[in-house]
PDB file of all heavy atoms in Angstrom:
ATOM      1  N   GLY A   1      10.527  -3.185  -1.724  1.00  0.00           N
ATOM      2  CA  GLY A   1       9.600  -4.196  -2.121  1.00  0.00           C
ATOM      3  C   GLY A   1       8.172  -3.773  -1.841  1.00  0.00           C
ATOM      4  O   GLY A   1       7.249  -3.898  -2.676  1.00  0.00           O
ATOM      5  N   ALA A   2       7.880  -3.124  -0.733  1.00  0.00           N
ATOM      6  CA  ALA A   2       6.555  -2.775  -0.388  1.00  0.00           C
ATOM      7  C   ALA A   2       6.167  -1.541  -1.270  1.00  0.00           C
ATOM      8  O   ALA A   2       4.978  -1.357  -1.666  1.00  0.00           O
ATOM      9  CB  ALA A   2       6.495  -2.357   1.068  1.00  0.00           C
ATOM     10  N   GLN A   3       7.083  -0.650  -1.546  1.00  0.00           N
ATOM     11  CA  GLN A   3       6.800   0.469  -2.457  1.00  0.00           C
ATOM     12  C   GLN A   3       6.369   0.019  -3.855  1.00  0.00           C
ATOM     13  O   GLN A   3       5.509   0.591  -4.356  1.00  0.00           O
ATOM     14  CB  GLN A   3       7.993   1.393  -2.502  1.00  0.00           C
ATOM     15  CG  GLN A   3       8.254   2.138  -1.178  1.00  0.00           C
ATOM     16  CD  GLN A   3       7.276   3.209  -0.865  1.00  0.00           C
ATOM     17  OE1 GLN A   3       6.256   2.788  -0.242  1.00  0.00           O
ATOM     18  NE2 GLN A   3       7.382   4.452  -1.417  1.00  0.00           N
ATOM     19  N   ILE A   4       7.133  -0.948  -4.365  1.00  0.00           N
ATOM     20  CA  ILE A   4       6.774  -1.472  -5.712  1.00  0.00           C
ATOM     21  C   ILE A   4       5.362  -2.086  -5.687  1.00  0.00           C
ATOM     22  O   ILE A   4       4.581  -1.898  -6.529  1.00  0.00           O
ATOM     23  CB  ILE A   4       7.836  -2.415  -6.194  1.00  0.00           C
ATOM     24  CG1 ILE A   4       9.223  -1.645  -6.439  1.00  0.00           C
ATOM     25  CG2 ILE A   4       7.442  -3.291  -7.475  1.00  0.00           C
ATOM     26  CD1 ILE A   4      10.390  -2.537  -6.691  1.00  0.00           C
ATOM     27  N   GLY A   5       5.188  -2.962  -4.626  1.00  0.00           N
ATOM     28  CA  GLY A   5       3.849  -3.600  -4.486  1.00  0.00           C
ATOM     29  C   GLY A   5       2.768  -2.618  -4.412  1.00  0.00           C
ATOM     30  O   GLY A   5       1.662  -2.763  -4.962  1.00  0.00           O
ATOM     31  N   ALA A   6       2.915  -1.458  -3.703  1.00  0.00           N
ATOM     32  CA  ALA A   6       1.917  -0.370  -3.588  1.00  0.00           C
ATOM     33  C   ALA A   6       1.682   0.262  -4.946  1.00  0.00           C
ATOM     34  O   ALA A   6       0.649   0.631  -5.278  1.00  0.00           O
ATOM     35  CB  ALA A   6       2.290   0.599  -2.513  1.00  0.00           C
ATOM     36  N   GLY A   7       2.769   0.403  -5.626  1.00  0.00           N
ATOM     37  CA  GLY A   7       2.750   1.046  -7.032  1.00  0.00           C
ATOM     38  C   GLY A   7       1.797   0.185  -7.944  1.00  0.00           C
ATOM     39  O   GLY A   7       1.004   0.621  -8.700  1.00  0.00           O
ATOM     40  N   VAL A   8       2.032  -1.207  -7.875  1.00  0.00           N
ATOM     41  CA  VAL A   8       1.310  -1.996  -8.764  1.00  0.00           C
ATOM     42  C   VAL A   8      -0.121  -2.029  -8.273  1.00  0.00           C
ATOM     43  O   VAL A   8      -1.107  -1.970  -9.164  1.00  0.00           O
ATOM     44  CB  VAL A   8       1.846  -3.454  -8.694  1.00  0.00           C
ATOM     45  CG1 VAL A   8       0.963  -4.456  -9.340  1.00  0.00           C
ATOM     46  CG2 VAL A   8       3.251  -3.496  -9.306  1.00  0.00           C
ATOM     47  N   LYS A   9      -0.369  -2.014  -7.113  1.00  0.00           N
ATOM     48  CA  LYS A   9      -1.776  -2.081  -6.465  1.00  0.00           C
ATOM     49  C   LYS A   9      -2.600  -0.728  -6.878  1.00  0.00           C
ATOM     50  O   LYS A   9      -3.669  -0.830  -7.106  1.00  0.00           O
ATOM     51  CB  LYS A   9      -1.711  -2.214  -4.934  1.00  0.00           C
ATOM     52  CG  LYS A   9      -3.063  -2.258  -4.257  1.00  0.00           C
ATOM     53  CD  LYS A   9      -3.789  -3.618  -4.585  1.00  0.00           C
ATOM     54  CE  LYS A   9      -4.993  -3.727  -3.829  1.00  0.00           C
ATOM     55  NZ  LYS A   9      -5.779  -4.891  -3.976  1.00  0.00           N
ATOM     56  N   SER A  10      -1.757   0.352  -6.899  1.00  0.00           N
ATOM     57  CA  SER A  10      -2.425   1.616  -7.224  1.00  0.00           C
ATOM     58  C   SER A  10      -2.866   1.662  -8.653  1.00  0.00           C
ATOM     59  O   SER A  10      -3.798   2.415  -8.954  1.00  0.00           O
ATOM     60  CB  SER A  10      -1.511   2.762  -6.890  1.00  0.00           C
ATOM     61  OG  SER A  10      -0.386   2.762  -7.806  1.00  0.00           O
ATOM     62  N   ILE A  11      -2.320   0.846  -9.485  1.00  0.00           N
ATOM     63  CA  ILE A  11      -2.698   0.775 -10.936  1.00  0.00           C
ATOM     64  C   ILE A  11      -4.036   0.080 -11.001  1.00  0.00           C
ATOM     65  O   ILE A  11      -4.931   0.476 -11.757  1.00  0.00           O
ATOM     66  CB  ILE A  11      -1.661   0.035 -11.828  1.00  0.00           C
ATOM     67  CG1 ILE A  11      -0.382   0.907 -11.795  1.00  0.00           C
ATOM     68  CG2 ILE A  11      -2.214  -0.305 -13.192  1.00  0.00           C
ATOM     69  CD1 ILE A  11       0.789   0.110 -12.505  1.00  0.00           C
ATOM     70  N   VAL A  12      -4.296  -1.034 -10.307  1.00  0.00           N
ATOM     71  CA  VAL A  12      -5.491  -1.714 -10.361  1.00  0.00           C
ATOM     72  C   VAL A  12      -6.548  -1.355  -9.333  1.00  0.00           C
ATOM     73  O   VAL A  12      -7.725  -1.657  -9.457  1.00  0.00           O
ATOM     74  CB  VAL A  12      -5.254  -3.257 -10.193  1.00  0.00           C
ATOM     75  CG1 VAL A  12      -4.350  -3.802 -11.297  1.00  0.00           C
ATOM     76  CG2 VAL A  12      -4.643  -3.594  -8.793  1.00  0.00           C
ATOM     77  N   GLY A  13      -6.184  -0.511  -8.354  1.00  0.00           N
ATOM     78  CA  GLY A  13      -7.141   0.081  -7.437  1.00  0.00           C
ATOM     79  C   GLY A  13      -7.320  -0.810  -6.198  1.00  0.00           C
ATOM     80  O   GLY A  13      -6.839  -1.973  -6.153  1.00  0.00           O
ATOM     81  N   GLY A  14      -7.914  -0.277  -5.150  1.00  0.00           N
ATOM     82  CA  GLY A  14      -8.123  -1.078  -3.931  1.00  0.00           C
ATOM     83  C   GLY A  14      -7.192  -0.545  -2.822  1.00  0.00           C
ATOM     84  O   GLY A  14      -6.432   0.381  -3.016  1.00  0.00           O
ATOM     85  N   GLU A  15      -7.533  -0.971  -1.620  1.00  0.00           N
ATOM     86  CA  GLU A  15      -6.889  -0.449  -0.403  1.00  0.00           C
ATOM     87  C   GLU A  15      -5.423  -0.959  -0.405  1.00  0.00           C
ATOM     88  O   GLU A  15      -5.139  -2.030  -0.737  1.00  0.00           O
ATOM     89  CB  GLU A  15      -7.551  -0.961   0.824  1.00  0.00           C
ATOM     90  CG  GLU A  15      -6.883  -0.497   2.114  1.00  0.00           C
ATOM     91  CD  GLU A  15      -7.469  -0.939   3.360  1.00  0.00           C
ATOM     92  OE1 GLU A  15      -8.447  -1.870   3.266  1.00  0.00           O
ATOM     93  OE2 GLU A  15      -7.130  -0.520   4.413  1.00  0.00           O
ATOM     94  N   LEU A  16      -4.515  -0.077  -0.013  1.00  0.00           N
ATOM     95  CA  LEU A  16      -3.095  -0.458   0.181  1.00  0.00           C
ATOM     96  C   LEU A  16      -2.911  -0.852   1.720  1.00  0.00           C
ATOM     97  O   LEU A  16      -2.627   0.013   2.423  1.00  0.00           O
ATOM     98  CB  LEU A  16      -2.221   0.710  -0.248  1.00  0.00           C
ATOM     99  CG  LEU A  16      -2.357   1.227  -1.588  1.00  0.00           C
ATOM    100  CD1 LEU A  16      -1.550   2.528  -1.918  1.00  0.00           C
ATOM    101  CD2 LEU A  16      -1.993   0.229  -2.686  1.00  0.00           C
ATOM    102  N   ARG A  17      -3.217  -1.994   1.909  1.00  0.00           N
ATOM    103  CA  ARG A  17      -3.287  -2.440   3.402  1.00  0.00           C
ATOM    104  C   ARG A  17      -2.004  -2.223   4.111  1.00  0.00           C
ATOM    105  O   ARG A  17      -1.927  -1.961   5.331  1.00  0.00           O
ATOM    106  CB  ARG A  17      -3.810  -3.867   3.442  1.00  0.00           C
ATOM    107  CG  ARG A  17      -5.218  -4.006   3.047  1.00  0.00           C
ATOM    108  CD  ARG A  17      -5.690  -5.409   3.288  1.00  0.00           C
ATOM    109  NE  ARG A  17      -7.079  -5.408   2.743  1.00  0.00           N
ATOM    110  CZ  ARG A  17      -7.941  -6.478   2.778  1.00  0.00           C
ATOM    111  NH1 ARG A  17      -7.485  -7.577   3.256  1.00  0.00           N
ATOM    112  NH2 ARG A  17      -9.083  -6.426   2.264  1.00  0.00           N
ATOM    113  N   GLY A  18      -0.909  -2.515   3.428  1.00  0.00           N
ATOM    114  CA  GLY A  18       0.422  -2.377   4.104  1.00  0.00           C
ATOM    115  C   GLY A  18       0.606  -0.917   4.424  1.00  0.00           C
ATOM    116  O   GLY A  18       1.180  -0.524   5.532  1.00  0.00           O
ATOM    117  N   MET A  19       0.245   0.006   3.503  1.00  0.00           N
ATOM    118  CA  MET A  19       0.372   1.417   3.734  1.00  0.00           C
ATOM    119  C   MET A  19      -0.579   1.943   4.884  1.00  0.00           C
ATOM    120  O   MET A  19      -0.166   2.698   5.807  1.00  0.00           O
ATOM    121  CB  MET A  19       0.106   2.281   2.590  1.00  0.00           C
ATOM    122  CG  MET A  19       1.070   1.935   1.371  1.00  0.00           C
ATOM    123  SD  MET A  19       2.757   2.417   1.821  1.00  0.00           S
ATOM    124  CE  MET A  19       2.951   3.871   0.939  1.00  0.00           C
ATOM    125  N   THR A  20      -1.733   1.344   4.884  1.00  0.00           N
ATOM    126  CA  THR A  20      -2.751   1.664   5.905  1.00  0.00           C
ATOM    127  C   THR A  20      -2.231   1.274   7.308  1.00  0.00           C
ATOM    128  O   THR A  20      -2.276   2.015   8.215  1.00  0.00           O
ATOM    129  CB  THR A  20      -4.056   0.973   5.661  1.00  0.00           C
ATOM    130  OG1 THR A  20      -4.535   1.391   4.427  1.00  0.00           O
ATOM    131  CG2 THR A  20      -5.086   1.214   6.750  1.00  0.00           C
ATOM    132  N   LYS A  21      -1.647   0.034   7.395  1.00  0.00           N
ATOM    133  CA  LYS A  21      -1.101  -0.449   8.631  1.00  0.00           C
ATOM    134  C   LYS A  21       0.092   0.434   9.099  1.00  0.00           C
ATOM    135  O   LYS A  21       0.210   0.833  10.307  1.00  0.00           O
ATOM    136  CB  LYS A  21      -0.645  -1.873   8.460  1.00  0.00           C
ATOM    137  CG  LYS A  21       0.002  -2.487   9.717  1.00  0.00           C
ATOM    138  CD  LYS A  21       0.289  -3.923   9.448  1.00  0.00           C
ATOM    139  CE  LYS A  21       0.930  -4.528  10.729  1.00  0.00           C
ATOM    140  NZ  LYS A  21       1.377  -5.918  10.472  1.00  0.00           N
ATOM    141  N   MET A  22       0.857   0.825   8.198  1.00  0.00           N
ATOM    142  CA  MET A  22       2.135   1.614   8.546  1.00  0.00           C
ATOM    143  C   MET A  22       1.618   2.943   9.026  1.00  0.00           C
ATOM    144  O   MET A  22       2.183   3.531   9.989  1.00  0.00           O
ATOM    145  CB  MET A  22       2.968   1.899   7.351  1.00  0.00           C
ATOM    146  CG  MET A  22       4.239   2.684   7.617  1.00  0.00           C
ATOM    147  SD  MET A  22       5.146   3.196   6.196  1.00  0.00           S
ATOM    148  CE  MET A  22       4.081   4.510   5.495  1.00  0.00           C
ATOM    149  N   LEU A  23       0.627   3.607   8.348  1.00  0.00           N
ATOM    150  CA  LEU A  23       0.152   4.951   8.825  1.00  0.00           C
ATOM    151  C   LEU A  23      -0.532   4.875  10.199  1.00  0.00           C
ATOM    152  O   LEU A  23      -0.387   5.626  11.061  1.00  0.00           O
ATOM    153  CB  LEU A  23      -0.783   5.485   7.761  1.00  0.00           C
ATOM    154  CG  LEU A  23      -0.117   6.001   6.609  1.00  0.00           C
ATOM    155  CD1 LEU A  23      -1.084   6.452   5.380  1.00  0.00           C
ATOM    156  CD2 LEU A  23       0.887   7.071   6.817  1.00  0.00           C
ATOM    157  N   ALA A  24      -1.314   3.774  10.464  1.00  0.00           N
ATOM    158  CA  ALA A  24      -1.981   3.535  11.707  1.00  0.00           C
ATOM    159  C   ALA A  24      -0.929   3.501  12.839  1.00  0.00           C
ATOM    160  O   ALA A  24      -1.013   4.064  13.901  1.00  0.00           O
ATOM    161  CB  ALA A  24      -2.772   2.379  11.699  1.00  0.00           C
ATOM    162  N   GLN A  25       0.144   2.629  12.581  1.00  0.00           N
ATOM    163  CA  GLN A  25       1.233   2.429  13.499  1.00  0.00           C
ATOM    164  C   GLN A  25       1.998   3.884  13.672  1.00  0.00           C
ATOM    165  O   GLN A  25       2.386   4.220  14.861  1.00  0.00           O
ATOM    166  CB  GLN A  25       2.295   1.493  13.060  1.00  0.00           C
ATOM    167  CG  GLN A  25       1.731   0.108  13.084  1.00  0.00           C
ATOM    168  CD  GLN A  25       2.736  -0.942  12.429  1.00  0.00           C
ATOM    169  OE1 GLN A  25       3.512  -0.605  11.571  1.00  0.00           O
ATOM    170  NE2 GLN A  25       2.466  -2.170  12.765  1.00  0.00           N
ATOM    171  N   SER A  26       2.168   4.583  12.697  1.00  0.00           N
ATOM    172  CA  SER A  26       2.888   5.857  12.772  1.00  0.00           C
ATOM    173  C   SER A  26       1.991   6.860  13.593  1.00  0.00           C
ATOM    174  O   SER A  26       2.569   7.643  14.452  1.00  0.00           O
ATOM    175  CB  SER A  26       3.097   6.602  11.359  1.00  0.00           C
ATOM    176  OG  SER A  26       4.000   5.772  10.601  1.00  0.00           O
TER     177      SER A  26
END
């Protein structure tokens, strides 16, 4: 679900906050 949401967000542009949070935690 998060991957699909990120895919849609990448079409319209802007920060992928869920991915940013995941990378910071990683």
